[in-house]
N, C-alpha and C. Protein backbone atom coordinates (compact mmCIF):
# COMPACT_ATOMS: atom_id res chain seq x y z
N UNK A 1 -28.40 251.30 193.51
CA UNK A 1 -27.16 251.86 193.05
C UNK A 1 -26.38 250.78 192.30
N UNK A 2 -25.85 251.14 191.15
CA UNK A 2 -25.03 250.22 190.37
C UNK A 2 -23.59 250.34 190.79
N UNK A 3 -22.96 249.20 190.94
CA UNK A 3 -21.54 249.19 191.27
C UNK A 3 -20.76 248.85 190.02
N UNK A 4 -19.67 249.55 189.84
CA UNK A 4 -18.81 249.23 188.71
C UNK A 4 -18.12 247.90 188.94
N UNK A 5 -18.04 247.15 187.89
CA UNK A 5 -17.31 245.90 187.98
C UNK A 5 -15.82 246.23 187.90
N UNK A 6 -15.09 245.81 188.91
CA UNK A 6 -13.66 246.08 188.94
C UNK A 6 -12.95 245.05 188.08
N UNK A 7 -12.16 245.55 187.17
CA UNK A 7 -11.39 244.65 186.31
C UNK A 7 -9.91 244.87 186.56
N UNK A 8 -9.22 243.78 186.67
CA UNK A 8 -7.78 243.86 186.80
C UNK A 8 -7.18 244.00 185.42
N UNK A 9 -6.19 244.85 185.30
CA UNK A 9 -5.45 244.85 184.06
C UNK A 9 -4.21 243.99 184.25
N UNK A 10 -3.46 243.78 183.19
CA UNK A 10 -2.31 242.86 183.27
C UNK A 10 -1.25 243.36 184.25
N UNK A 11 -1.15 244.67 184.47
CA UNK A 11 -0.17 245.19 185.43
C UNK A 11 -0.56 244.83 186.86
N UNK A 12 -1.86 244.90 187.16
CA UNK A 12 -2.33 244.51 188.49
C UNK A 12 -2.10 243.02 188.73
N UNK A 13 -2.39 242.21 187.74
CA UNK A 13 -2.20 240.77 187.85
C UNK A 13 -0.72 240.47 188.06
N UNK A 14 0.14 241.13 187.30
CA UNK A 14 1.58 240.94 187.44
C UNK A 14 2.08 241.36 188.80
N UNK A 15 1.60 242.49 189.29
CA UNK A 15 2.00 242.99 190.61
C UNK A 15 1.58 242.01 191.70
N UNK A 16 0.36 241.49 191.60
CA UNK A 16 -0.12 240.51 192.58
C UNK A 16 0.73 239.24 192.54
N UNK A 17 1.10 238.79 191.36
CA UNK A 17 1.93 237.60 191.21
C UNK A 17 3.31 237.82 191.83
N UNK A 18 3.87 239.00 191.62
CA UNK A 18 5.19 239.31 192.19
C UNK A 18 5.12 239.38 193.71
N UNK A 19 4.04 239.93 194.24
CA UNK A 19 3.86 239.99 195.70
C UNK A 19 3.75 238.59 196.28
N UNK A 20 2.99 237.74 195.62
CA UNK A 20 2.84 236.35 196.07
C UNK A 20 4.18 235.62 196.01
N UNK A 21 4.93 235.83 194.94
CA UNK A 21 6.24 235.20 194.79
C UNK A 21 7.21 235.68 195.87
N UNK A 22 7.21 236.97 196.14
CA UNK A 22 8.10 237.55 197.16
C UNK A 22 7.81 236.93 198.53
N UNK A 23 6.54 236.85 198.90
CA UNK A 23 6.17 236.25 200.19
C UNK A 23 6.61 234.79 200.26
N UNK A 24 6.38 234.06 199.17
CA UNK A 24 6.76 232.65 199.12
C UNK A 24 8.26 232.48 199.33
N UNK A 25 9.06 233.29 198.63
CA UNK A 25 10.51 233.19 198.73
C UNK A 25 11.01 233.62 200.10
N UNK A 26 10.41 234.65 200.67
CA UNK A 26 10.79 235.07 202.02
C UNK A 26 10.49 233.96 203.03
N UNK A 27 9.37 233.27 202.83
CA UNK A 27 9.03 232.14 203.71
C UNK A 27 10.00 230.97 203.56
N UNK A 28 10.74 230.97 202.45
CA UNK A 28 11.74 229.93 202.21
C UNK A 28 13.16 230.45 202.46
N UNK A 29 13.27 231.54 203.20
CA UNK A 29 14.58 232.00 203.67
C UNK A 29 15.31 233.02 202.83
N UNK A 30 14.75 233.46 201.73
CA UNK A 30 15.43 234.48 200.93
C UNK A 30 15.14 235.86 201.51
N UNK A 31 16.08 236.76 201.30
CA UNK A 31 15.94 238.13 201.80
C UNK A 31 15.68 239.06 200.62
N UNK A 32 14.64 239.86 200.73
CA UNK A 32 14.24 240.79 199.68
C UNK A 32 15.25 241.93 199.55
N UNK A 33 15.61 242.26 198.31
CA UNK A 33 16.50 243.39 198.05
C UNK A 33 15.78 244.48 197.26
N UNK A 34 15.18 244.08 196.12
CA UNK A 34 14.55 245.09 195.26
C UNK A 34 13.53 244.43 194.34
N UNK A 35 12.53 245.21 193.96
CA UNK A 35 11.51 244.73 193.01
C UNK A 35 11.48 245.67 191.82
N UNK A 36 11.17 245.10 190.68
CA UNK A 36 10.98 245.84 189.44
C UNK A 36 12.16 246.75 189.10
N UNK A 37 13.35 246.16 189.13
CA UNK A 37 14.54 246.91 188.72
C UNK A 37 14.49 247.10 187.21
N UNK A 38 14.55 248.35 186.79
CA UNK A 38 14.47 248.67 185.36
C UNK A 38 15.71 249.45 184.92
N UNK A 39 16.17 249.12 183.75
CA UNK A 39 17.22 249.90 183.11
C UNK A 39 16.96 249.83 181.60
N UNK A 40 17.80 250.47 180.84
CA UNK A 40 17.59 250.49 179.39
C UNK A 40 17.74 249.12 178.75
N UNK A 41 18.30 248.17 179.46
CA UNK A 41 18.50 246.82 178.91
C UNK A 41 17.36 245.86 179.18
N UNK A 42 16.54 246.16 180.20
CA UNK A 42 15.45 245.26 180.54
C UNK A 42 14.95 245.49 181.95
N UNK A 43 14.24 244.49 182.47
CA UNK A 43 13.65 244.59 183.80
C UNK A 43 13.83 243.27 184.54
N UNK A 44 13.99 243.38 185.84
CA UNK A 44 14.06 242.21 186.71
C UNK A 44 12.91 242.33 187.71
N UNK A 45 12.10 241.30 187.80
CA UNK A 45 10.93 241.35 188.69
C UNK A 45 11.33 241.44 190.16
N UNK A 46 12.19 240.53 190.60
CA UNK A 46 12.62 240.52 191.99
C UNK A 46 14.11 240.26 192.07
N UNK A 47 14.76 240.94 193.00
CA UNK A 47 16.15 240.65 193.33
C UNK A 47 16.16 240.31 194.81
N UNK A 48 16.69 239.12 195.10
CA UNK A 48 16.70 238.64 196.48
C UNK A 48 18.05 238.00 196.78
N UNK A 49 18.30 237.76 198.05
CA UNK A 49 19.53 237.12 198.46
C UNK A 49 19.22 235.77 199.08
N UNK A 50 19.94 234.75 198.64
CA UNK A 50 19.82 233.40 199.18
C UNK A 50 21.20 233.00 199.68
N UNK A 51 21.42 233.15 200.97
CA UNK A 51 22.74 232.97 201.57
C UNK A 51 23.73 233.90 200.86
N UNK A 52 24.75 233.34 200.21
CA UNK A 52 25.75 234.18 199.53
C UNK A 52 25.33 234.59 198.13
N UNK A 53 24.26 233.98 197.61
CA UNK A 53 23.85 234.22 196.22
C UNK A 53 22.92 235.42 196.07
N UNK A 54 23.18 236.20 195.06
CA UNK A 54 22.26 237.23 194.63
C UNK A 54 21.38 236.56 193.58
N UNK A 55 20.08 236.61 193.78
CA UNK A 55 19.15 235.85 192.93
C UNK A 55 18.27 236.82 192.15
N UNK A 56 18.31 236.70 190.83
CA UNK A 56 17.47 237.49 189.94
C UNK A 56 16.29 236.60 189.54
N UNK A 57 15.09 237.07 189.83
CA UNK A 57 13.91 236.22 189.69
C UNK A 57 12.93 236.78 188.68
N UNK A 58 12.54 235.95 187.75
CA UNK A 58 11.49 236.27 186.78
C UNK A 58 10.21 235.59 187.26
N UNK A 59 9.15 236.38 187.40
CA UNK A 59 7.86 235.85 187.83
C UNK A 59 6.95 235.77 186.61
N UNK A 60 6.41 234.59 186.34
CA UNK A 60 5.52 234.39 185.20
C UNK A 60 4.22 233.78 185.70
N UNK A 61 3.12 234.34 185.24
CA UNK A 61 1.81 233.82 185.63
C UNK A 61 0.97 233.59 184.39
N UNK A 62 0.23 232.51 184.42
CA UNK A 62 -0.72 232.20 183.37
C UNK A 62 -2.03 231.80 184.03
N UNK A 63 -3.13 232.35 183.54
CA UNK A 63 -4.43 231.96 184.09
C UNK A 63 -5.00 230.78 183.31
N UNK A 64 -4.52 230.61 182.08
CA UNK A 64 -4.95 229.48 181.25
C UNK A 64 -3.71 228.90 180.59
N UNK A 65 -3.75 227.62 180.31
CA UNK A 65 -2.58 226.99 179.70
C UNK A 65 -2.80 226.62 178.24
N UNK A 66 -3.81 227.19 177.62
CA UNK A 66 -4.10 226.88 176.23
C UNK A 66 -2.92 227.19 175.31
N UNK A 67 -2.16 228.21 175.65
CA UNK A 67 -1.01 228.60 174.82
C UNK A 67 0.32 228.29 175.51
N UNK A 68 0.31 227.36 176.43
CA UNK A 68 1.51 226.98 177.16
C UNK A 68 1.45 227.46 178.60
N UNK A 69 2.18 226.78 179.45
CA UNK A 69 2.17 227.16 180.86
C UNK A 69 3.18 228.27 181.12
N UNK A 70 3.26 228.71 182.36
CA UNK A 70 4.11 229.84 182.72
C UNK A 70 5.58 229.54 182.46
N UNK A 71 5.99 228.32 182.69
CA UNK A 71 7.40 227.95 182.48
C UNK A 71 7.77 228.08 181.01
N UNK A 72 6.87 227.65 180.14
CA UNK A 72 7.14 227.68 178.70
C UNK A 72 7.06 229.09 178.11
N UNK A 73 6.56 230.05 178.89
CA UNK A 73 6.29 231.37 178.34
C UNK A 73 7.51 232.28 178.27
N UNK A 74 8.62 231.88 178.81
CA UNK A 74 9.80 232.75 178.79
C UNK A 74 10.67 232.41 177.57
N UNK A 75 10.84 233.39 176.73
CA UNK A 75 11.58 233.19 175.48
C UNK A 75 13.08 233.41 175.69
N UNK A 76 13.84 232.97 174.72
CA UNK A 76 15.29 233.19 174.74
C UNK A 76 15.60 234.69 174.78
N UNK A 77 14.83 235.46 174.05
CA UNK A 77 15.00 236.92 174.02
C UNK A 77 14.76 237.53 175.40
N UNK A 78 13.73 237.07 176.09
CA UNK A 78 13.41 237.57 177.44
C UNK A 78 14.53 237.20 178.41
N UNK A 79 15.03 235.97 178.32
CA UNK A 79 16.14 235.55 179.17
C UNK A 79 17.35 236.45 178.97
N UNK A 80 17.64 236.76 177.72
CA UNK A 80 18.78 237.62 177.40
C UNK A 80 18.60 239.01 178.01
N UNK A 81 17.40 239.56 177.93
CA UNK A 81 17.13 240.88 178.51
C UNK A 81 17.30 240.87 180.03
N UNK A 82 16.86 239.80 180.66
CA UNK A 82 17.02 239.68 182.12
C UNK A 82 18.50 239.62 182.48
N UNK A 83 19.26 238.84 181.75
CA UNK A 83 20.70 238.72 182.00
C UNK A 83 21.40 240.06 181.80
N UNK A 84 21.04 240.79 180.75
CA UNK A 84 21.63 242.12 180.52
C UNK A 84 21.26 243.10 181.63
N UNK A 85 20.01 243.05 182.09
CA UNK A 85 19.58 243.93 183.18
C UNK A 85 20.31 243.55 184.47
N UNK A 86 20.51 242.27 184.70
CA UNK A 86 21.24 241.82 185.89
C UNK A 86 22.69 242.29 185.84
N UNK A 87 23.29 242.22 184.68
CA UNK A 87 24.66 242.71 184.52
C UNK A 87 24.73 244.20 184.82
N UNK A 88 23.76 244.95 184.33
CA UNK A 88 23.69 246.39 184.62
C UNK A 88 23.58 246.63 186.12
N UNK A 89 22.70 245.87 186.79
CA UNK A 89 22.52 246.00 188.23
C UNK A 89 23.83 245.71 188.96
N UNK A 90 24.50 244.64 188.58
CA UNK A 90 25.76 244.26 189.22
C UNK A 90 26.84 245.33 189.01
N UNK A 91 26.91 245.90 187.81
CA UNK A 91 27.87 246.97 187.55
C UNK A 91 27.56 248.19 188.40
N UNK A 92 26.30 248.60 188.41
CA UNK A 92 25.86 249.77 189.16
C UNK A 92 26.12 249.60 190.65
N UNK A 93 25.95 248.39 191.14
CA UNK A 93 26.12 248.09 192.57
C UNK A 93 27.56 247.73 192.92
N UNK A 94 28.44 247.78 191.93
CA UNK A 94 29.85 247.42 192.11
C UNK A 94 30.02 245.99 192.65
N UNK A 95 29.20 245.10 192.11
CA UNK A 95 29.24 243.70 192.52
C UNK A 95 29.64 242.76 191.38
N UNK A 96 29.86 243.33 190.20
CA UNK A 96 30.22 242.50 189.04
C UNK A 96 31.52 241.75 189.33
N UNK A 97 31.53 240.47 189.07
CA UNK A 97 32.67 239.56 189.28
C UNK A 97 32.93 239.26 190.75
N UNK A 98 32.14 239.79 191.67
CA UNK A 98 32.38 239.50 193.08
C UNK A 98 31.22 238.75 193.73
N UNK A 99 30.01 238.97 193.27
CA UNK A 99 28.84 238.33 193.89
C UNK A 99 28.42 237.12 193.07
N UNK A 100 28.38 235.94 193.70
CA UNK A 100 27.81 234.81 192.96
C UNK A 100 26.32 235.05 192.75
N UNK A 101 25.84 234.74 191.57
CA UNK A 101 24.43 234.98 191.31
C UNK A 101 23.83 233.84 190.50
N UNK A 102 22.50 233.82 190.48
CA UNK A 102 21.77 232.83 189.68
C UNK A 102 20.46 233.45 189.23
N UNK A 103 19.84 232.78 188.26
CA UNK A 103 18.58 233.23 187.69
C UNK A 103 17.51 232.19 187.98
N UNK A 104 16.55 232.58 188.81
CA UNK A 104 15.45 231.69 189.18
C UNK A 104 14.18 232.15 188.49
N UNK A 105 13.18 231.30 188.56
CA UNK A 105 11.88 231.62 187.99
C UNK A 105 10.80 231.14 188.94
N UNK A 106 9.80 231.98 189.11
CA UNK A 106 8.59 231.58 189.82
C UNK A 106 7.50 231.49 188.77
N UNK A 107 6.92 230.31 188.64
CA UNK A 107 5.85 230.08 187.67
C UNK A 107 4.55 229.86 188.43
N UNK A 108 3.56 230.65 188.08
CA UNK A 108 2.24 230.52 188.71
C UNK A 108 1.25 230.19 187.60
N UNK A 109 0.65 229.00 187.69
CA UNK A 109 -0.28 228.58 186.65
C UNK A 109 -1.31 227.59 187.20
N UNK A 110 -2.40 227.43 186.45
CA UNK A 110 -3.44 226.50 186.93
C UNK A 110 -3.02 225.05 186.70
N UNK A 111 -3.28 224.24 187.71
CA UNK A 111 -3.06 222.79 187.60
C UNK A 111 -4.24 222.13 188.28
N UNK A 112 -4.99 221.36 187.51
CA UNK A 112 -6.16 220.65 188.01
C UNK A 112 -7.12 221.57 188.76
N UNK A 113 -7.38 222.73 188.18
CA UNK A 113 -8.35 223.66 188.73
C UNK A 113 -7.88 224.52 189.89
N UNK A 114 -6.62 224.37 190.28
CA UNK A 114 -6.06 225.18 191.37
C UNK A 114 -4.85 225.95 190.86
N UNK A 115 -4.54 227.04 191.53
CA UNK A 115 -3.35 227.80 191.17
C UNK A 115 -2.15 227.18 191.85
N UNK A 116 -1.11 226.97 191.07
CA UNK A 116 0.10 226.33 191.59
C UNK A 116 1.29 227.24 191.40
N UNK A 117 2.12 227.36 192.41
CA UNK A 117 3.34 228.14 192.34
C UNK A 117 4.52 227.18 192.34
N UNK A 118 5.38 227.33 191.34
CA UNK A 118 6.58 226.50 191.24
C UNK A 118 7.81 227.39 191.26
N UNK A 119 8.81 227.00 192.02
CA UNK A 119 10.06 227.73 192.10
C UNK A 119 11.13 226.93 191.39
N UNK A 120 11.66 227.47 190.33
CA UNK A 120 12.71 226.81 189.57
C UNK A 120 14.02 227.54 189.84
N UNK A 121 14.87 226.90 190.63
CA UNK A 121 16.20 227.47 190.90
C UNK A 121 17.07 227.23 189.67
N UNK A 122 17.94 228.19 189.39
CA UNK A 122 18.82 228.10 188.22
C UNK A 122 18.00 227.79 186.96
N UNK A 123 16.91 228.52 186.78
CA UNK A 123 16.01 228.27 185.66
C UNK A 123 16.68 228.48 184.31
N UNK A 124 17.63 229.40 184.27
CA UNK A 124 18.38 229.60 183.03
C UNK A 124 19.74 230.20 183.35
N UNK A 125 20.63 230.10 182.36
CA UNK A 125 21.98 230.62 182.49
C UNK A 125 22.31 231.43 181.24
N UNK A 126 23.51 231.92 181.18
CA UNK A 126 23.96 232.66 180.00
C UNK A 126 23.90 231.81 178.74
N UNK A 127 24.03 230.50 178.90
CA UNK A 127 24.07 229.60 177.74
C UNK A 127 22.70 229.13 177.27
N UNK A 128 21.66 229.29 178.11
CA UNK A 128 20.37 228.70 177.73
C UNK A 128 19.51 229.64 176.93
C-alpha cells in the first residue's frame, strides 16, 4: 500500500509556530488572551497579558535564512498593520488609553543546524 506523503502548507507551519510561541510565553509567565485576532486593518498572531501589560505578539518563522532571518522579515508595512489591528482591538475591548501595551516578537529560525526561538520584548513601537 502506498502512503501519501503529508506536506505542510504555510498555514500549518504558521499555526505550529504560534502554538510553540504560546507555550513558550506561558512558561515565562504570560497569560493567553486570544490568537489570530483579525479585523479589516490587519491581524495579530497572539494577544497575551504580562502583569499589567497587554502584549501584542507577532510570530515569525523561517526554515532557511538565505533571504534573511525571522527578525529581519517584518517590514515597516507589517508593523503598521499590527499596530492598527491592536488599536482596533483596544477600541473594541474599551481598553484604548487605559491599558498599557507593547509589541513583542517571537522569531523562530535555524541557528547552527538547530531551531532557535527568540523573544524580543518591545520589538517595535509606533515610531519604528
